[in-house]
N, C-alpha and C. Protein backbone atom coordinates (compact mmCIF):
# COMPACT_ATOMS: atom_id res chain seq x y z
N UNK A 1 -42.80 -175.71 99.07
CA UNK A 1 -43.29 -174.56 99.82
C UNK A 1 -42.02 -174.86 101.37
N UNK A 2 -42.52 -174.06 101.80
CA UNK A 2 -41.45 -173.84 103.41
C UNK A 2 -42.57 -173.39 104.30
N UNK A 3 -43.85 -173.74 103.85
CA UNK A 3 -44.70 -173.30 104.81
C UNK A 3 -44.43 -174.22 106.40
N UNK A 4 -44.81 -173.59 107.38
CA UNK A 4 -44.95 -174.46 108.81
C UNK A 4 -43.75 -174.33 109.24
N UNK A 5 -42.93 -173.96 108.44
CA UNK A 5 -41.24 -174.10 108.87
C UNK A 5 -40.56 -172.87 109.09
N UNK A 6 -39.50 -172.36 110.23
CA UNK A 6 -39.39 -171.60 110.41
C UNK A 6 -38.49 -171.02 109.63
N UNK A 7 -38.65 -169.31 109.64
CA UNK A 7 -37.62 -168.13 108.64
C UNK A 7 -36.21 -168.21 109.21
N UNK A 8 -36.16 -168.27 110.76
CA UNK A 8 -35.22 -168.01 111.10
C UNK A 8 -34.21 -168.26 112.36
N UNK A 9 -33.39 -169.17 112.09
CA UNK A 9 -32.91 -170.56 113.65
C UNK A 9 -31.51 -170.04 113.54
N UNK A 10 -30.91 -170.57 114.74
CA UNK A 10 -29.95 -170.09 115.07
C UNK A 10 -29.26 -171.71 116.29
N UNK A 11 -28.22 -171.52 115.88
CA UNK A 11 -27.49 -173.35 116.34
C UNK A 11 -26.36 -172.52 117.19
N UNK A 12 -26.35 -172.87 118.38
CA UNK A 12 -25.43 -172.60 119.42
C UNK A 12 -23.97 -173.62 119.07
N UNK A 13 -22.41 -173.71 119.23
CA UNK A 13 -21.92 -174.54 119.01
C UNK A 13 -20.64 -174.02 119.44
N UNK A 14 -20.21 -174.42 120.62
CA UNK A 14 -18.63 -174.42 121.55
C UNK A 14 -19.49 -172.49 121.59
N UNK A 15 -18.74 -171.94 121.26
CA UNK A 15 -18.71 -170.59 122.03
C UNK A 15 -19.45 -169.35 121.24
N UNK A 16 -19.34 -169.77 119.70
CA UNK A 16 -20.36 -169.49 118.65
C UNK A 16 -21.25 -169.44 118.83
N UNK A 17 -21.98 -168.99 117.84
CA UNK A 17 -23.45 -169.77 116.94
C UNK A 17 -23.58 -169.64 115.31
N UNK A 18 -24.46 -169.33 115.20
CA UNK A 18 -24.81 -169.37 113.07
C UNK A 18 -26.38 -168.88 113.11
N UNK A 19 -26.17 -167.89 112.95
CA UNK A 19 -27.76 -167.47 112.12
C UNK A 19 -28.17 -168.30 110.55
N UNK A 20 -29.23 -168.67 110.25
CA UNK A 20 -29.38 -168.90 109.33
C UNK A 20 -31.04 -168.42 108.94
N UNK A 21 -31.45 -167.34 108.04
CA UNK A 21 -32.65 -166.42 107.83
C UNK A 21 -32.83 -167.57 106.16
N UNK A 22 -34.00 -168.01 106.21
CA UNK A 22 -34.45 -168.46 105.04
C UNK A 22 -35.44 -167.92 104.25
N UNK A 23 -35.57 -166.79 104.97
CA UNK A 23 -37.16 -165.38 103.90
C UNK A 23 -36.10 -163.92 103.69
N UNK A 24 -36.87 -163.02 102.76
CA UNK A 24 -36.42 -162.04 102.29
C UNK A 24 -37.69 -160.94 103.56
N UNK A 25 -37.13 -160.08 103.94
CA UNK A 25 -37.00 -159.08 104.94
C UNK A 25 -37.48 -157.57 104.04
N UNK A 26 -37.95 -157.23 105.01
CA UNK A 26 -37.59 -155.88 103.98
C UNK A 26 -36.97 -154.90 104.66
N UNK A 27 -36.15 -153.88 103.66
CA UNK A 27 -34.82 -153.03 104.93
C UNK A 27 -35.40 -152.86 106.12
N UNK A 28 -36.59 -152.25 107.21
CA UNK A 28 -36.52 -151.71 108.24
C UNK A 28 -36.43 -153.12 108.88
N UNK A 29 -36.40 -154.35 108.22
CA UNK A 29 -36.67 -155.50 109.43
C UNK A 29 -35.04 -155.85 109.30
N UNK A 30 -34.73 -155.84 108.32
CA UNK A 30 -33.50 -156.24 108.02
C UNK A 30 -32.49 -155.63 108.75
N UNK A 31 -32.75 -154.79 108.81
CA UNK A 31 -31.69 -153.64 110.11
C UNK A 31 -32.21 -153.90 111.26
N UNK A 32 -33.33 -154.08 111.93
CA UNK A 32 -33.62 -154.46 112.32
C UNK A 32 -32.93 -155.50 113.40
N UNK A 33 -32.75 -156.65 112.77
CA UNK A 33 -32.15 -158.07 112.85
C UNK A 33 -31.08 -158.39 112.58
N UNK A 34 -29.86 -157.11 111.47
CA UNK A 34 -28.98 -157.21 111.85
C UNK A 34 -27.92 -156.17 113.20
N UNK A 35 -28.78 -155.25 113.75
CA UNK A 35 -28.36 -154.77 114.89
C UNK A 35 -29.11 -155.29 115.88
N UNK A 36 -29.80 -156.18 116.07
CA UNK A 36 -29.51 -156.83 117.26
C UNK A 36 -28.34 -158.12 117.30
N UNK A 37 -28.10 -158.66 116.27
CA UNK A 37 -27.18 -159.78 115.54
C UNK A 37 -25.48 -159.23 116.33
N UNK A 38 -25.76 -157.82 115.50
CA UNK A 38 -24.42 -156.81 115.78
C UNK A 38 -24.46 -156.43 117.37
N UNK A 39 -25.45 -156.21 118.56
CA UNK A 39 -25.61 -155.96 119.29
C UNK A 39 -25.03 -157.38 120.09
N UNK A 40 -25.69 -158.56 120.33
CA UNK A 40 -25.82 -159.36 120.93
C UNK A 40 -23.99 -159.90 120.59
N UNK A 41 -23.37 -159.42 119.98
CA UNK A 41 -21.76 -159.94 119.66
C UNK A 41 -21.32 -158.86 120.11
N UNK A 42 -21.49 -157.98 121.01
CA UNK A 42 -21.10 -156.68 121.21
C UNK A 42 -20.15 -155.90 120.02
N UNK A 43 -20.92 -155.87 118.75
CA UNK A 43 -20.01 -154.94 118.12
C UNK A 43 -20.41 -153.57 117.99
N UNK A 44 -19.60 -152.66 117.92
CA UNK A 44 -19.94 -151.51 117.89
C UNK A 44 -19.21 -150.44 116.94
N UNK A 45 -19.87 -149.54 116.17
CA UNK A 45 -18.99 -148.61 115.44
C UNK A 45 -17.99 -148.13 116.34
N UNK A 46 -16.79 -147.79 115.08
CA UNK A 46 -15.87 -146.88 115.98
C UNK A 46 -16.08 -145.91 115.75
N UNK A 47 -17.02 -145.21 114.48
CA UNK A 47 -17.44 -143.56 114.69
C UNK A 47 -18.89 -143.90 114.68
N UNK A 48 -19.52 -143.78 116.30
CA UNK A 48 -21.21 -143.48 116.13
C UNK A 48 -21.48 -142.47 115.79
N UNK A 49 -23.24 -142.66 115.28
CA UNK A 49 -23.75 -141.61 114.53
C UNK A 49 -23.24 -140.53 113.79
N UNK A 50 -23.38 -142.22 112.80
CA UNK A 50 -23.02 -141.47 111.16
C UNK A 50 -24.79 -141.08 110.82
N UNK A 51 -24.76 -140.60 109.69
CA UNK A 51 -25.75 -140.25 108.95
C UNK A 51 -25.99 -141.55 108.36
N UNK A 52 -27.61 -141.74 108.23
CA UNK A 52 -27.48 -142.83 107.18
C UNK A 52 -26.74 -142.96 105.55
N UNK A 53 -26.37 -143.86 105.22
CA UNK A 53 -25.77 -143.58 103.81
C UNK A 53 -24.14 -143.65 104.24
N UNK A 54 -23.63 -143.28 105.02
CA UNK A 54 -22.23 -142.79 105.26
C UNK A 54 -21.53 -143.70 105.63
N UNK A 55 -20.76 -144.00 105.11
CA UNK A 55 -19.43 -145.43 105.38
C UNK A 55 -18.52 -145.50 106.41
N UNK A 56 -18.30 -145.89 107.50
CA UNK A 56 -17.06 -145.86 108.55
C UNK A 56 -16.28 -146.82 108.01
N UNK A 57 -14.83 -146.62 107.29
CA UNK A 57 -13.77 -147.55 107.40
C UNK A 57 -12.60 -147.31 108.16
N UNK A 58 -12.15 -147.72 109.06
CA UNK A 58 -10.77 -147.22 110.51
C UNK A 58 -9.75 -148.42 109.80
N UNK A 59 -8.90 -147.20 109.34
CA UNK A 59 -7.38 -148.79 109.13
C UNK A 59 -6.35 -147.99 110.25
N UNK A 60 -5.54 -149.62 110.83
CA UNK A 60 -5.02 -149.26 111.94
C UNK A 60 -3.28 -149.62 111.46
N UNK A 61 -2.45 -148.73 111.72
CA UNK A 61 -1.51 -148.97 111.64
C UNK A 61 -0.64 -149.56 112.83
N UNK A 62 0.39 -150.63 112.90
CA UNK A 62 1.02 -151.13 113.85
C UNK A 62 1.90 -150.11 114.91
N UNK A 63 1.69 -149.30 114.65
CA UNK A 63 2.65 -148.47 116.08
C UNK A 63 1.56 -147.42 116.69
N UNK A 64 0.06 -148.35 116.05
CA UNK A 64 -1.16 -147.29 117.15
C UNK A 64 -1.75 -145.81 116.24
N UNK A 65 -1.31 -145.86 114.97
CA UNK A 65 -1.85 -144.57 114.04
C UNK A 65 -3.11 -145.45 113.74
N UNK A 66 -4.35 -144.37 113.36
CA UNK A 66 -5.56 -144.65 112.95
C UNK A 66 -5.72 -143.45 112.02
N UNK A 67 -6.48 -143.98 110.85
CA UNK A 67 -6.82 -143.36 109.74
C UNK A 67 -8.91 -143.45 109.73
N UNK A 68 -9.59 -142.53 109.40
CA UNK A 68 -11.13 -142.88 109.35
C UNK A 68 -11.15 -142.39 107.44
N UNK A 69 -11.80 -143.71 106.99
CA UNK A 69 -12.61 -142.90 105.50
C UNK A 69 -13.94 -143.28 105.84
N UNK A 70 -14.47 -141.72 105.28
CA UNK A 70 -15.67 -141.41 105.05
C UNK A 70 -16.24 -141.76 103.95
N UNK A 71 -17.37 -142.65 103.42
CA UNK A 71 -17.79 -142.90 102.09
C UNK A 71 -19.62 -142.38 102.22
N UNK A 72 -19.58 -141.33 101.45
CA UNK A 72 -20.91 -141.19 101.71
C UNK A 72 -21.51 -141.81 100.28
N UNK A 73 -22.83 -142.49 100.35
CA UNK A 73 -23.55 -143.37 99.48
C UNK A 73 -24.89 -142.59 98.83
N UNK A 74 -24.58 -141.23 99.78
CA UNK A 74 -26.60 -140.86 99.39
C UNK A 74 -26.14 -139.82 98.35
N UNK A 75 -27.19 -139.87 97.82
CA UNK A 75 -27.65 -138.69 96.83
C UNK A 75 -27.69 -137.10 97.57
N UNK A 76 -27.09 -136.89 98.50
CA UNK A 76 -27.42 -136.09 99.16
C UNK A 76 -26.47 -135.18 100.07
N UNK A 77 -25.69 -133.97 99.69
CA UNK A 77 -24.73 -133.40 100.89
C UNK A 77 -25.03 -134.02 102.41
N UNK A 78 -23.62 -134.42 102.96
CA UNK A 78 -23.85 -134.94 104.38
C UNK A 78 -22.78 -133.70 105.19
N UNK A 79 -23.81 -133.04 105.96
CA UNK A 79 -22.57 -131.77 107.05
C UNK A 79 -21.42 -132.66 108.03
N UNK A 80 -20.72 -132.15 108.20
CA UNK A 80 -19.71 -133.08 108.66
C UNK A 80 -19.66 -132.33 110.15
N UNK A 81 -19.81 -132.93 111.58
CA UNK A 81 -20.21 -132.22 112.61
C UNK A 81 -19.21 -131.32 113.21
N UNK A 82 -17.97 -131.12 112.34
CA UNK A 82 -16.85 -129.93 112.90
C UNK A 82 -16.24 -129.60 111.35
N UNK A 83 -15.15 -128.63 110.99
CA UNK A 83 -14.41 -128.24 109.71
C UNK A 83 -13.42 -129.62 110.19
N UNK A 84 -13.31 -130.11 109.29
CA UNK A 84 -12.51 -132.15 109.37
C UNK A 84 -10.65 -131.88 108.22
N UNK A 85 -9.73 -131.80 108.81
CA UNK A 85 -8.74 -132.27 107.50
C UNK A 85 -8.34 -133.37 106.96
N UNK A 86 -9.24 -132.49 105.66
CA UNK A 86 -9.03 -134.11 104.90
C UNK A 86 -7.90 -134.53 103.98
N UNK A 87 -7.33 -135.60 104.57
CA UNK A 87 -6.06 -136.21 103.83
C UNK A 87 -6.07 -136.13 102.31
N UNK A 88 -6.62 -136.17 101.78
CA UNK A 88 -6.60 -136.54 100.16
C UNK A 88 -6.63 -135.34 99.46
N UNK A 89 -6.99 -134.64 100.34
CA UNK A 89 -6.80 -133.02 99.24
C UNK A 89 -6.37 -132.07 100.03
N UNK A 90 -6.35 -132.45 101.47
CA UNK A 90 -5.07 -131.47 102.55
C UNK A 90 -5.80 -130.11 102.57
N UNK A 91 -6.73 -130.02 102.49
CA UNK A 91 -7.89 -128.74 103.20
C UNK A 91 -8.93 -129.28 104.12
N UNK A 92 -9.56 -128.28 104.61
CA UNK A 92 -10.47 -128.26 105.74
C UNK A 92 -11.38 -128.56 104.69
N UNK A 93 -12.81 -129.58 105.19
CA UNK A 93 -14.11 -129.27 104.80
C UNK A 93 -14.88 -129.79 105.61
N UNK A 94 -16.11 -129.09 105.67
CA UNK A 94 -17.68 -129.39 106.29
C UNK A 94 -18.50 -129.89 105.92
N UNK A 95 -18.39 -130.36 104.75
CA UNK A 95 -19.91 -131.73 103.97
C UNK A 95 -19.51 -132.46 103.21
N UNK A 96 -19.89 -133.55 103.19
CA UNK A 96 -19.29 -135.02 102.49
C UNK A 96 -20.26 -134.85 100.80
N UNK A 97 -20.12 -134.45 99.90
CA UNK A 97 -20.79 -134.27 99.23
C UNK A 97 -21.19 -135.70 98.50
N UNK A 98 -21.90 -136.00 97.85
CA UNK A 98 -22.93 -137.27 97.67
C UNK A 98 -21.41 -137.65 96.72
N UNK A 99 -21.71 -138.59 97.13
CA UNK A 99 -20.59 -139.61 96.83
C UNK A 99 -19.50 -139.13 96.69
N UNK A 100 -18.78 -138.42 98.14
CA UNK A 100 -17.69 -138.48 97.94
C UNK A 100 -17.45 -139.40 99.49
N UNK A 101 -15.65 -138.44 99.57
CA UNK A 101 -14.93 -139.48 100.09
C UNK A 101 -13.96 -138.78 100.90
N UNK A 102 -13.99 -138.77 102.29
CA UNK A 102 -12.55 -137.76 103.38
C UNK A 102 -11.81 -139.51 103.64
N UNK A 103 -10.61 -138.69 104.00
CA UNK A 103 -9.92 -139.66 104.94
C UNK A 103 -9.44 -138.78 106.12
N UNK A 104 -9.25 -139.29 107.02
CA UNK A 104 -9.22 -138.07 108.27
C UNK A 104 -8.24 -139.02 109.49
N UNK A 105 -7.09 -138.55 109.28
CA UNK A 105 -6.29 -138.42 110.83
C UNK A 105 -7.16 -138.77 112.32
N UNK A 106 -7.21 -140.80 112.63
CA UNK A 106 -8.15 -141.07 113.81
C UNK A 106 -7.14 -140.31 115.45
N UNK A 107 -8.27 -140.37 115.93
CA UNK A 107 -7.93 -139.98 117.55
C UNK A 107 -6.46 -140.95 118.05
């Protein structure tokens, strides 16, 4: 057993650091920990304020062009803030269906 041992440790080395988690956390606590680590590392999403369950992936070309892929991992349709032009279908869309994906040209 690991009674009386730390459940979370951090070791700094040079300009970096490593974390070790030796326990299981519920989703809320795990999310809070990962949020803290991302904030401390200065990592921010390229597409903030996406609903829970929507994954955003951004691809960058060497000439500066960008594309965003949005994937809905939830079981509900997700409304998009403005109608967007989906590069996969060539049409406008107002929502992302369950399990759906859209490809958008970045700004």
